[in-house]
């Protein structure tokens, strides 16, 4: 729907100069993205929003909801990676428009001051998709992701991403938000850019109401929690062949690993962080394994 048209467009050495409206559209979105990233961090304490509850762990969401400080400030390399992700998303959407895809951002179809929302069970929170695509007489939600190589390769083998990082939950929440706004979106076209190689993949993710229901259940847990009474942890360590207790990948990339698992310690394996719970009960700290890679994962 989108990836093939972008490839055809870029493979054409005689492609025409993009329409001025496409350039203006991309420039505006790029400026908005830079303003958001370069400005001060927004205080989201006490606010529910879609991407807060897309992943399985309600405790992680509750930490953010209550304004709990992360284990460490977000390092510059992570902030820069967010910039790169924003630029990749913008490039894919702009190329799609230049290639003739009939897509629009939310504020092109709705009032600029109208915030898209998704509501259920007495809860309502903001949800802002990347775009919507009109093709073959039907509407599709569009979500663009810059994926790490391992995640992209796994999605390619499996015929689409799983919900490890909440991609499918996010897609279904966005479909629900479009429908609530009056646009009868059928499913989500997820376009993924493989981080290092630029390979472009595409999958159509069907709407899954069960995932939406689970997201709202997490939102209710977060809303009803307090800093001293948090939801249960969603993930548990698994036992390795050598007997060590290893935390899952979601915990390895969480900003609250040490707060959630105070006796865990981190090492770097094949360039990626891994956290192990100290079953003996003694406190392990990140600094105990600086020789294994420190903060440079």
Protein backbone atom coordinates (compact mmCIF):
# COMPACT_ATOMS: atom_id res chain seq x y z
CA UNK A 1 0.00 0.00 0.00
CA UNK A 2 2.77 2.43 0.94
CA UNK A 3 6.18 0.69 0.95
CA UNK A 4 5.93 -0.55 -2.65
CA UNK A 5 4.91 2.88 -3.90
CA UNK A 6 7.83 4.50 -2.10
CA UNK A 7 10.25 1.96 -3.58
CA UNK A 8 8.84 2.49 -7.08
CA UNK A 9 9.10 6.25 -6.63
CA UNK A 10 12.72 6.14 -5.47
CA UNK A 11 13.73 3.61 -8.15
CA UNK A 12 12.55 6.01 -10.85
CA UNK A 13 15.57 8.12 -11.81
CA UNK A 14 13.27 10.42 -13.79
CA UNK A 15 10.88 11.15 -10.96
CA UNK A 16 9.42 14.64 -10.98
CA UNK A 17 10.17 17.37 -8.47
CA UNK A 18 7.86 16.90 -5.46
CA UNK A 19 4.79 19.07 -5.38
CA UNK A 20 5.31 22.25 -3.37
CA UNK A 21 2.46 21.33 -1.04
CA UNK A 22 4.26 18.12 -0.09
CA UNK A 23 7.43 20.08 0.75
CA UNK A 24 5.45 22.57 2.80
CA UNK A 25 3.69 19.74 4.62
CA UNK A 26 6.99 18.02 5.44
CA UNK A 27 8.62 21.30 6.50
CA UNK A 28 5.82 22.08 8.92
CA UNK A 29 5.92 18.64 10.48
CA UNK A 30 9.72 18.74 10.75
CA UNK A 31 9.59 22.13 12.46
CA UNK A 32 6.94 20.90 14.90
CA UNK A 33 9.04 17.83 15.68
CA UNK A 34 12.18 19.86 16.32
CA UNK A 35 10.28 22.26 18.54
CA UNK A 36 8.96 19.34 20.58
CA UNK A 37 12.32 17.60 20.95
CA UNK A 38 14.49 20.68 21.49
CA UNK A 39 12.18 22.33 23.99
CA UNK A 40 11.82 21.41 27.66
CA UNK A 41 10.37 18.04 28.50
CA UNK A 42 6.62 18.17 28.88
CA UNK A 43 5.32 17.45 32.38
CA UNK A 44 2.93 14.53 31.89
CA UNK A 45 2.40 13.87 35.60
CA UNK A 46 -1.17 12.89 36.33
CA UNK A 47 -2.08 12.51 32.64
CA UNK A 48 -3.18 9.38 30.81
CA UNK A 49 -2.35 9.00 27.12
CA UNK A 50 -2.34 6.14 24.65
CA UNK A 51 1.38 5.35 24.50
CA UNK A 52 1.56 5.33 28.29
CA UNK A 53 -0.51 2.14 28.42
CA UNK A 54 0.37 0.33 25.19
CA UNK A 55 2.96 -1.91 26.83
CA UNK A 56 1.99 -4.66 29.27
CA UNK A 57 3.51 -3.23 32.45
CA UNK A 58 1.06 -1.01 34.35
CA UNK A 59 3.68 -0.38 37.04
CA UNK A 60 6.02 1.28 34.53
CA UNK A 61 3.13 3.46 33.39
CA UNK A 62 2.24 4.31 37.00
CA UNK A 63 5.80 5.47 37.73
CA UNK A 64 5.50 7.95 34.86
CA UNK A 65 1.95 8.94 35.78
CA UNK A 66 3.03 9.85 39.32
CA UNK A 67 6.13 11.72 38.17
CA UNK A 68 8.59 9.27 39.74
CA UNK A 69 12.15 10.07 38.68
CA UNK A 70 13.75 7.39 36.46
CA UNK A 71 16.84 5.49 37.53
CA UNK A 72 19.00 7.97 35.61
CA UNK A 73 18.41 10.95 33.32
CA UNK A 74 17.80 10.07 29.69
CA UNK A 75 21.28 10.04 28.08
CA UNK A 76 22.02 12.25 25.09
CA UNK A 77 22.40 9.25 22.77
CA UNK A 78 18.81 8.17 23.58
CA UNK A 79 17.46 11.67 22.92
CA UNK A 80 19.36 11.75 19.63
CA UNK A 81 17.89 8.38 18.72
CA UNK A 82 14.41 9.86 19.22
CA UNK A 83 15.35 12.65 16.80
CA UNK A 84 16.44 10.08 14.23
CA UNK A 85 13.20 8.17 14.70
CA UNK A 86 11.18 11.35 14.15
CA UNK A 87 13.12 12.13 10.97
CA UNK A 88 12.67 8.56 9.68
CA UNK A 89 8.92 8.78 10.28
CA UNK A 90 8.72 12.13 8.51
CA UNK A 91 10.77 10.86 5.56
CA UNK A 92 8.51 7.84 5.07
CA UNK A 93 5.31 9.92 5.25
CA UNK A 94 6.66 12.64 2.95
CA UNK A 95 7.88 10.08 0.41
CA UNK A 96 4.50 8.36 0.55
CA UNK A 97 2.75 11.63 -0.29
CA UNK A 98 5.28 12.37 -3.05
CA UNK A 99 4.69 8.86 -4.45
CA UNK A 100 0.98 9.58 -4.72
CA UNK A 101 -0.41 7.90 -1.61
CA UNK A 102 -3.63 9.55 -0.46
CA UNK A 103 -2.73 10.08 3.19
CA UNK A 104 -3.28 12.89 5.66
CA UNK A 105 -2.21 13.81 9.17
CA UNK A 106 -4.91 14.04 11.85
CA UNK A 107 -4.98 17.84 11.85
CA UNK A 108 -5.65 17.86 8.11
CA UNK A 109 -8.93 16.03 8.58
CA UNK A 110 -9.96 17.32 12.01
CA UNK A 111 -9.94 20.76 13.60
CA UNK A 112 -6.43 21.89 14.54
CA UNK A 113 -7.56 22.44 18.12
CA UNK A 114 -9.25 19.04 18.37
CA UNK A 115 -7.28 16.42 20.23
CA UNK A 116 -8.03 12.87 19.10
CA UNK A 117 -9.17 10.73 21.98
CA UNK A 118 -10.17 7.16 22.69
CA UNK A 119 -12.82 6.45 25.31
CA UNK A 120 -14.16 3.41 27.14
CA UNK A 121 -15.40 2.37 30.59
CA UNK A 122 -15.58 5.95 31.86
CA UNK A 123 -11.99 6.71 30.81
CA UNK A 124 -10.86 8.97 27.97
CA UNK A 125 -7.33 9.91 26.93
CA UNK A 126 -5.42 11.40 24.03
CA UNK A 127 -4.31 9.32 21.06
CA UNK A 128 -2.49 10.87 18.09
CA UNK A 129 -1.80 8.62 15.07
CA UNK A 130 0.84 9.39 12.45
CA UNK A 131 -1.60 9.56 9.52
CA UNK A 132 -4.57 7.99 7.79
CA UNK A 133 -4.53 6.41 4.31
CA UNK A 134 -7.42 6.27 1.86
CA UNK A 135 -7.05 3.47 -0.69
CA UNK A 136 -9.49 1.26 -2.55
CA UNK A 137 -12.44 3.07 -1.02
CA UNK A 138 -11.34 2.23 2.53
CA UNK A 139 -9.54 4.10 5.33
CA UNK A 140 -6.47 2.73 7.11
CA UNK A 141 -4.60 4.04 10.11
CA UNK A 142 -0.89 4.58 9.35
CA UNK A 143 1.87 4.03 11.89
CA UNK A 144 5.57 4.41 11.01
CA UNK A 145 8.29 2.82 13.14
CA UNK A 146 12.07 2.90 12.95
CA UNK A 147 12.94 -0.57 14.24
CA UNK A 148 16.09 -2.05 15.66
CA UNK A 149 17.54 -4.68 13.37
CA UNK A 150 16.63 -7.64 15.59
CA UNK A 151 13.03 -6.46 15.99
CA UNK A 152 12.64 -5.81 12.26
CA UNK A 153 14.11 -9.19 11.30
CA UNK A 154 11.84 -10.97 13.77
CA UNK A 155 8.78 -9.14 12.40
CA UNK A 156 9.80 -10.06 8.85
CA UNK A 157 10.11 -13.74 9.79
CA UNK A 158 6.79 -13.72 11.64
CA UNK A 159 4.77 -11.77 9.07
CA UNK A 160 4.50 -8.72 11.30
CA UNK A 161 5.55 -7.49 14.74
CA UNK A 162 4.27 -9.05 17.93
CA UNK A 163 3.14 -6.95 20.89
CA UNK A 164 6.40 -7.04 22.87
CA UNK A 165 6.72 -3.25 22.59
CA UNK A 166 3.00 -2.56 22.32
CA UNK A 167 2.94 -1.98 18.55
CA UNK A 168 -0.28 -3.93 18.02
CA UNK A 169 -1.97 -2.36 21.03
CA UNK A 170 -0.99 1.12 19.83
CA UNK A 171 -2.32 0.34 16.36
CA UNK A 172 -5.70 -0.81 17.72
CA UNK A 173 -6.00 2.20 20.04
CA UNK A 174 -5.37 4.48 17.06
CA UNK A 175 -8.01 2.73 14.97
CA UNK A 176 -10.46 3.19 17.87
CA UNK A 177 -9.52 6.89 18.08
CA UNK A 178 -10.14 7.42 14.34
CA UNK A 179 -13.51 5.70 14.62
CA UNK A 180 -14.41 7.84 17.63
CA UNK A 181 -13.51 10.92 15.57
CA UNK A 182 -15.95 9.79 12.86
CA UNK A 183 -13.60 8.15 10.35
CA UNK A 184 -14.36 4.46 9.83
CA UNK A 185 -10.82 3.10 9.73
CA UNK A 186 -10.54 -0.59 8.84
CA UNK A 187 -7.08 -1.59 10.11
CA UNK A 188 -3.51 -0.27 10.51
CA UNK A 189 -0.80 -0.15 7.88
CA UNK A 190 2.44 -0.37 9.84
CA UNK A 191 5.46 0.76 7.83
CA UNK A 192 8.81 -0.12 9.40
CA UNK A 193 12.27 1.13 8.54
CA UNK A 194 15.13 -1.22 9.46
CA UNK A 195 17.52 0.94 11.45
CA UNK A 196 20.92 0.39 9.84
CA UNK A 197 20.08 -0.76 6.32
CA UNK A 198 17.06 1.34 5.34
CA UNK A 199 15.03 -1.72 4.32
CA UNK A 200 11.34 -0.86 4.26
CA UNK A 201 8.73 -3.34 5.45
CA UNK A 202 4.96 -3.14 5.66
CA UNK A 203 2.27 -5.12 7.44
CA UNK A 204 -1.49 -4.69 7.79
CA UNK A 205 -2.45 -5.15 11.44
CA UNK A 206 -6.11 -5.98 12.07
CA UNK A 207 -8.02 -4.17 14.77
CA UNK A 208 -8.01 -6.15 18.03
CA UNK A 209 -10.63 -5.04 20.54
CA UNK A 210 -9.18 -7.31 23.24
CA UNK A 211 -5.92 -5.32 23.14
CA UNK A 212 -7.87 -2.08 23.51
CA UNK A 213 -9.75 -3.53 26.48
CA UNK A 214 -6.46 -4.58 28.11
CA UNK A 215 -4.99 -1.09 27.57
CA UNK A 216 -7.98 0.49 29.29
CA UNK A 217 -7.67 -1.98 32.17
CA UNK A 218 -4.05 -0.85 32.61
CA UNK A 219 -5.14 2.79 32.41
CA UNK A 220 -7.64 2.19 35.21
CA UNK A 221 -4.93 0.52 37.32
CA UNK A 222 -2.65 3.51 36.77
CA UNK A 223 -5.38 6.04 37.56
CA UNK A 224 -6.34 4.23 40.77
CA UNK A 225 -2.76 3.72 41.97
CA UNK A 226 -0.71 5.88 44.33
CA UNK A 227 3.08 6.31 44.55
CA UNK A 228 3.00 3.98 47.56
CA UNK A 229 0.51 1.48 46.13
CA UNK A 230 1.56 0.60 42.59
CA UNK A 231 0.25 -2.05 40.20
CA UNK A 232 1.99 -5.42 40.18
CA UNK A 233 5.00 -5.90 37.94
CA UNK A 234 3.97 -7.39 34.61
CA UNK A 235 7.22 -9.29 34.01
CA UNK A 236 9.15 -11.89 35.98
CA UNK A 237 12.68 -13.27 35.65
CA UNK A 238 13.32 -16.56 33.92
CA UNK A 239 15.86 -19.15 34.98
CA UNK A 240 18.88 -19.50 32.68
CA UNK A 241 20.67 -22.85 32.13
CA UNK A 242 23.39 -21.69 34.54
CA UNK A 243 20.79 -21.01 37.24
CA UNK A 244 20.86 -17.23 37.05
CA UNK A 245 17.56 -15.32 37.07
CA UNK A 246 17.36 -13.07 34.02
CA UNK A 247 14.84 -10.26 33.58
CA UNK A 248 13.02 -10.04 30.21
CA UNK A 249 13.97 -7.55 27.51
CA UNK A 250 11.18 -5.15 28.48
CA UNK A 251 12.83 -4.69 31.88
CA UNK A 252 16.28 -4.30 30.32
CA UNK A 253 15.12 -1.21 28.42
CA UNK A 254 12.89 0.24 31.16
CA UNK A 255 13.79 3.50 32.90
CA UNK A 256 12.80 2.06 36.29
CA UNK A 257 14.60 -1.30 36.39
CA UNK A 258 16.60 -0.58 39.53
CA UNK A 259 13.60 0.91 41.31
CA UNK A 260 11.48 -2.13 40.45
CA UNK A 261 14.19 -4.73 41.04
CA UNK A 262 16.62 -3.26 43.62
CA UNK A 263 18.71 -6.45 43.87
CA UNK A 264 19.27 -6.74 40.12
CA UNK A 265 22.52 -6.03 38.37
CA UNK A 266 23.31 -5.29 34.77
CA UNK A 267 25.87 -6.64 32.35
CA UNK A 268 26.22 -6.13 28.62
CA UNK A 269 25.92 -9.19 26.40
CA UNK A 270 26.65 -8.91 22.68
CA UNK A 271 26.28 -5.15 22.90
CA UNK A 272 22.88 -5.23 24.61
CA UNK A 273 21.92 -4.74 28.26
CA UNK A 274 20.90 -7.73 30.35
CA UNK A 275 19.67 -7.60 33.94
CA UNK A 276 19.98 -10.47 36.40
CA UNK A 277 18.22 -10.71 39.74
CA UNK A 278 20.49 -11.48 42.66
CA UNK A 279 18.61 -14.42 44.15
CA UNK A 280 20.90 -14.40 47.18
CA UNK A 281 19.31 -11.09 48.14
CA UNK A 282 22.41 -8.89 48.18
CA UNK A 283 22.05 -5.58 46.41
CA UNK A 284 23.70 -5.42 43.04
CA UNK A 285 24.26 -2.12 41.29
CA UNK A 286 24.99 -0.98 37.76
CA UNK A 287 28.43 0.14 38.86
CA UNK A 288 29.36 -3.43 39.81
CA UNK A 289 29.77 -4.27 36.11
CA UNK A 290 31.20 -1.12 34.57
CA UNK A 291 33.88 -3.26 32.92
CA UNK A 292 31.14 -5.06 31.00
CA UNK A 293 30.14 -1.98 29.14
CA UNK A 294 28.81 0.65 31.53
CA UNK A 295 26.32 3.02 29.99
CA UNK A 296 27.47 2.55 26.41
CA UNK A 297 24.92 -0.02 25.36
